[in-house]
């Protein structure tokens, strides 16, 4: 569901989102003029792979995942998205990945060409977009390192730390998991069975507990940080 609303109310001044950081009232107003409110239900595609790369999005509420499908149908989850994340910038004509919501979801939607044209006249906005692109690259490199160097339980601890750092409201005592075990497996380069065994091992070792399927509690944060190599 889309709704057009060019009013300044579309821009959330109450959060320090990377895209909007440091912008003047006038620049925020110019952004509001080209913004649309995108509303999605759970398990809905924001856009799919190979569709025209014409739109970009800044997530306001909910969470989603970024996925890429191979020609043989194999899926790799590239990232999980949370409020404040910006997605959709592309140097190609078509998206090389898709974005699927995990929960109810709202985002500010922009036409990519209009946003980049505005950035040409707003240096801070241009810097923000450049910084976001650099952060995306850094995250991709972190993921490559995790997939290439770490054991299964260490990969899970890396994800736990990432969720604690990025998911609003997440605490070691109450970490919600909106993604499925399959999503986790496709993100960490594991099978679902290996994810289940590794979670059981961490639980058996007293590192975590799992009160319910979609809730995890960190019982030994120091050990999680150690296994994730993020002390």
Protein backbone atom coordinates (compact mmCIF):
# COMPACT_ATOMS: atom_id res chain seq x y z
CA UNK A 1 0.00 0.00 0.00
CA UNK A 2 1.30 3.45 -0.91
CA UNK A 3 0.02 6.82 0.15
CA UNK A 4 1.17 10.13 -1.26
CA UNK A 5 1.72 12.81 1.34
CA UNK A 6 4.08 15.64 0.45
CA UNK A 7 3.65 17.30 3.84
CA UNK A 8 6.62 17.78 6.13
CA UNK A 9 4.96 15.41 8.59
CA UNK A 10 6.33 12.55 6.51
CA UNK A 11 9.86 13.30 7.78
CA UNK A 12 10.37 12.01 11.30
CA UNK A 13 12.29 14.74 13.14
CA UNK A 14 12.26 12.68 16.32
CA UNK A 15 14.90 10.19 15.15
CA UNK A 16 18.47 10.74 14.08
CA UNK A 17 18.28 8.72 10.87
CA UNK A 18 21.46 8.64 8.83
CA UNK A 19 19.77 9.96 5.69
CA UNK A 20 18.39 13.04 7.47
CA UNK A 21 21.31 13.76 9.81
CA UNK A 22 22.46 17.36 9.88
CA UNK A 23 19.95 18.61 7.31
CA UNK A 24 18.47 22.09 7.64
CA UNK A 25 14.75 22.75 7.98
CA UNK A 26 14.72 23.86 4.35
CA UNK A 27 16.48 20.69 3.17
CA UNK A 28 14.11 18.50 5.18
CA UNK A 29 11.22 20.37 3.61
CA UNK A 30 12.61 19.69 0.14
CA UNK A 31 12.90 16.00 1.02
CA UNK A 32 9.31 15.99 2.27
CA UNK A 33 8.17 17.39 -1.07
CA UNK A 34 9.43 14.27 -2.89
CA UNK A 35 8.58 11.72 -0.19
CA UNK A 36 5.82 9.12 -0.24
CA UNK A 37 4.75 6.94 2.65
CA UNK A 38 5.13 3.23 1.90
CA UNK A 39 3.15 0.84 4.08
CA UNK A 40 3.60 -2.92 3.86
CA UNK A 41 2.15 -5.87 5.71
CA UNK A 42 4.19 -8.79 7.03
CA UNK A 43 5.90 -11.03 4.43
CA UNK A 44 5.39 -8.56 1.57
CA UNK A 45 8.01 -7.53 -0.97
CA UNK A 46 9.06 -3.91 -0.97
CA UNK A 47 10.58 -4.69 -4.36
CA UNK A 48 11.83 -7.83 -6.05
CA UNK A 49 15.04 -8.75 -7.80
CA UNK A 50 15.27 -7.72 -11.48
CA UNK A 51 12.59 -5.00 -11.21
CA UNK A 52 13.46 -1.43 -12.31
CA UNK A 53 15.72 0.30 -9.77
CA UNK A 54 13.76 3.54 -9.62
CA UNK A 55 12.93 3.88 -5.91
CA UNK A 56 14.84 4.12 -2.65
CA UNK A 57 13.50 3.73 0.87
CA UNK A 58 14.28 4.87 4.40
CA UNK A 59 12.79 2.45 6.93
CA UNK A 60 10.69 4.04 9.69
CA UNK A 61 9.07 1.11 11.51
CA UNK A 62 9.33 -2.67 11.35
CA UNK A 63 12.05 -4.85 9.94
CA UNK A 64 12.85 -6.55 6.64
CA UNK A 65 15.52 -8.62 4.94
CA UNK A 66 17.56 -8.16 1.78
CA UNK A 67 17.84 -11.30 -0.35
CA UNK A 68 19.42 -12.35 -3.61
CA UNK A 69 18.41 -15.39 -5.63
CA UNK A 70 20.83 -17.31 -7.83
CA UNK A 71 19.91 -18.64 -11.25
CA UNK A 72 19.54 -22.07 -9.63
CA UNK A 73 17.08 -20.80 -7.02
CA UNK A 74 19.51 -20.65 -4.08
CA UNK A 75 18.82 -17.74 -1.71
CA UNK A 76 21.37 -15.68 0.18
CA UNK A 77 20.10 -13.24 2.81
CA UNK A 78 22.42 -10.25 2.50
CA UNK A 79 21.20 -8.13 5.41
CA UNK A 80 18.47 -7.46 7.92
CA UNK A 81 16.96 -3.96 7.91
CA UNK A 82 15.73 -1.95 10.89
CA UNK A 83 14.36 1.57 11.48
CA UNK A 84 16.71 4.19 10.07
CA UNK A 85 18.21 1.89 7.43
CA UNK A 86 18.29 3.14 3.85
CA UNK A 87 17.97 0.76 0.92
CA UNK A 88 17.55 0.83 -2.85
CA UNK A 89 20.47 2.83 -4.23
CA UNK A 90 21.68 1.15 -7.40
CA UNK A 91 24.13 1.83 -10.20
CA UNK A 92 22.27 -0.56 -12.48
CA UNK A 93 18.96 -0.31 -14.29
CA UNK A 94 17.40 -3.17 -12.34
CA UNK A 95 17.60 -4.25 -8.70
CA UNK A 96 20.08 -7.06 -8.14
CA UNK A 97 18.33 -8.07 -4.92
CA UNK A 98 14.90 -8.00 -3.33
CA UNK A 99 13.62 -6.69 -0.01
CA UNK A 100 10.94 -8.61 1.93
CA UNK A 101 9.28 -7.44 5.13
CA UNK A 102 9.43 -9.58 8.26
CA UNK A 103 6.87 -7.52 10.19
CA UNK A 104 4.42 -4.72 9.46
CA UNK A 105 6.55 -2.04 7.90
CA UNK A 106 6.55 1.64 6.99
CA UNK A 107 9.16 3.59 5.05
CA UNK A 108 9.72 6.90 3.32
CA UNK A 109 9.89 6.25 -0.41
CA UNK A 110 11.79 8.48 -2.84
CA UNK A 111 12.30 8.46 -6.55
CA UNK A 112 16.03 7.75 -6.85
CA UNK A 113 16.68 10.31 -9.60
CA UNK A 114 14.85 13.05 -7.69
CA UNK A 115 16.72 12.23 -4.48
CA UNK A 116 20.11 12.30 -6.20
CA UNK A 117 19.22 15.54 -7.98
CA UNK A 118 18.32 17.09 -4.63
CA UNK A 119 21.60 15.80 -3.17
CA UNK A 120 23.52 17.69 -5.86
CA UNK A 121 22.21 20.93 -4.36
CA UNK A 122 22.40 19.83 -0.71
CA UNK A 123 26.00 18.93 0.28
CA UNK A 124 25.04 17.42 3.66
CA UNK A 125 22.50 15.13 2.03
CA UNK A 126 25.12 14.08 -0.52
CA UNK A 127 27.58 13.30 2.31
CA UNK A 128 24.90 11.31 4.13
CA UNK A 129 24.23 9.16 1.07
CA UNK A 130 27.97 8.62 0.58
CA UNK A 131 28.40 7.60 4.23
CA UNK A 132 25.47 5.19 3.98
CA UNK A 133 27.03 3.57 0.91
CA UNK A 134 30.33 3.19 2.76
CA UNK A 135 28.56 1.57 5.72
CA UNK A 136 26.82 -0.90 3.42
CA UNK A 137 30.21 -1.90 2.00
CA UNK A 138 31.68 -2.28 5.50
CA UNK A 139 28.78 -4.51 6.53
CA UNK A 140 29.22 -6.65 3.41
CA UNK A 141 32.91 -7.11 4.23
CA UNK A 142 32.04 -8.10 7.81
CA UNK A 143 29.61 -10.69 6.52
CA UNK A 144 32.17 -12.14 4.10
CA UNK A 145 34.64 -12.43 6.98
CA UNK A 146 32.08 -14.17 9.19
CA UNK A 147 31.12 -16.66 6.49
CA UNK A 148 34.73 -17.42 5.67
CA UNK A 149 36.38 -17.55 9.09
CA UNK A 150 33.93 -18.48 11.84
CA UNK A 151 32.37 -21.68 13.10
CA UNK A 152 28.59 -22.02 13.23
CA UNK A 153 28.15 -21.03 16.88
CA UNK A 154 30.47 -18.05 16.36
CA UNK A 155 28.41 -16.93 13.38
CA UNK A 156 25.28 -17.04 15.51
CA UNK A 157 26.96 -14.94 18.19
CA UNK A 158 27.96 -12.43 15.51
CA UNK A 159 24.29 -12.15 14.52
CA UNK A 160 23.19 -11.83 18.15
CA UNK A 161 25.59 -8.92 18.69
CA UNK A 162 24.48 -7.31 15.44
CA UNK A 163 20.83 -7.50 16.50
CA UNK A 164 21.62 -6.10 19.95
CA UNK A 165 23.41 -3.17 18.34
CA UNK A 166 20.88 -2.40 15.62
CA UNK A 167 17.39 -3.52 16.63
CA UNK A 168 15.42 -0.86 18.53
CA UNK A 169 14.57 -1.97 22.04
CA UNK A 170 16.76 -5.07 21.94
CA UNK A 171 18.42 -6.01 25.22
CA UNK A 172 20.39 -9.10 26.30
CA UNK A 173 17.45 -10.01 28.53
CA UNK A 174 14.88 -9.81 25.73
CA UNK A 175 16.03 -10.20 22.12
CA UNK A 176 13.13 -10.66 19.70
CA UNK A 177 13.85 -12.67 16.56
CA UNK A 178 11.44 -11.59 13.80
CA UNK A 179 13.26 -13.75 11.27
CA UNK A 180 12.80 -17.51 10.81
CA UNK A 181 15.46 -20.15 11.34
CA UNK A 182 15.64 -20.41 7.53
CA UNK A 183 16.29 -16.67 7.27
CA UNK A 184 19.09 -16.99 9.82
CA UNK A 185 20.56 -19.97 7.98
CA UNK A 186 20.49 -18.14 4.64
CA UNK A 187 22.15 -15.11 6.22
CA UNK A 188 24.95 -17.04 7.94
CA UNK A 189 25.60 -19.55 5.16
CA UNK A 190 24.38 -22.51 7.23
CA UNK A 191 21.65 -25.11 7.03
CA UNK A 192 18.58 -24.88 9.24
CA UNK A 193 19.72 -28.05 10.99
CA UNK A 194 23.11 -26.51 11.78
CA UNK A 195 21.44 -23.35 13.12
CA UNK A 196 19.27 -25.49 15.42
CA UNK A 197 22.26 -27.54 16.62
CA UNK A 198 24.35 -24.43 17.24
CA UNK A 199 21.56 -22.73 19.18
CA UNK A 200 21.21 -25.91 21.25
CA UNK A 201 24.97 -25.92 21.93
CA UNK A 202 24.97 -22.28 23.04
CA UNK A 203 21.99 -23.02 25.26
CA UNK A 204 23.64 -26.13 26.70
CA UNK A 205 26.81 -24.14 27.45
CA UNK A 206 24.79 -21.52 29.34
CA UNK A 207 25.53 -18.76 26.84
CA UNK A 208 21.90 -18.18 25.85
CA UNK A 209 18.42 -19.33 26.74
CA UNK A 210 15.42 -19.53 24.42
CA UNK A 211 12.16 -18.76 26.27
CA UNK A 212 10.17 -19.11 23.02
CA UNK A 213 10.83 -19.65 19.31
CA UNK A 214 11.08 -15.94 18.55
CA UNK A 215 12.69 -14.75 21.79
CA UNK A 216 16.29 -15.24 22.85
CA UNK A 217 17.95 -14.26 26.13
CA UNK A 218 21.70 -13.73 26.44
CA UNK A 219 22.88 -15.31 29.67
CA UNK A 220 26.61 -14.66 29.18
CA UNK A 221 27.19 -11.52 27.15
CA UNK A 222 30.97 -11.63 27.60
CA UNK A 223 31.08 -15.08 26.01
CA UNK A 224 28.82 -13.99 23.14
CA UNK A 225 31.15 -11.05 22.45
CA UNK A 226 34.17 -13.36 22.66
CA UNK A 227 32.73 -15.90 20.25
CA UNK A 228 31.66 -13.14 17.88
CA UNK A 229 35.18 -11.68 18.07
CA UNK A 230 33.69 -8.31 19.08
CA UNK A 231 35.08 -7.83 22.61
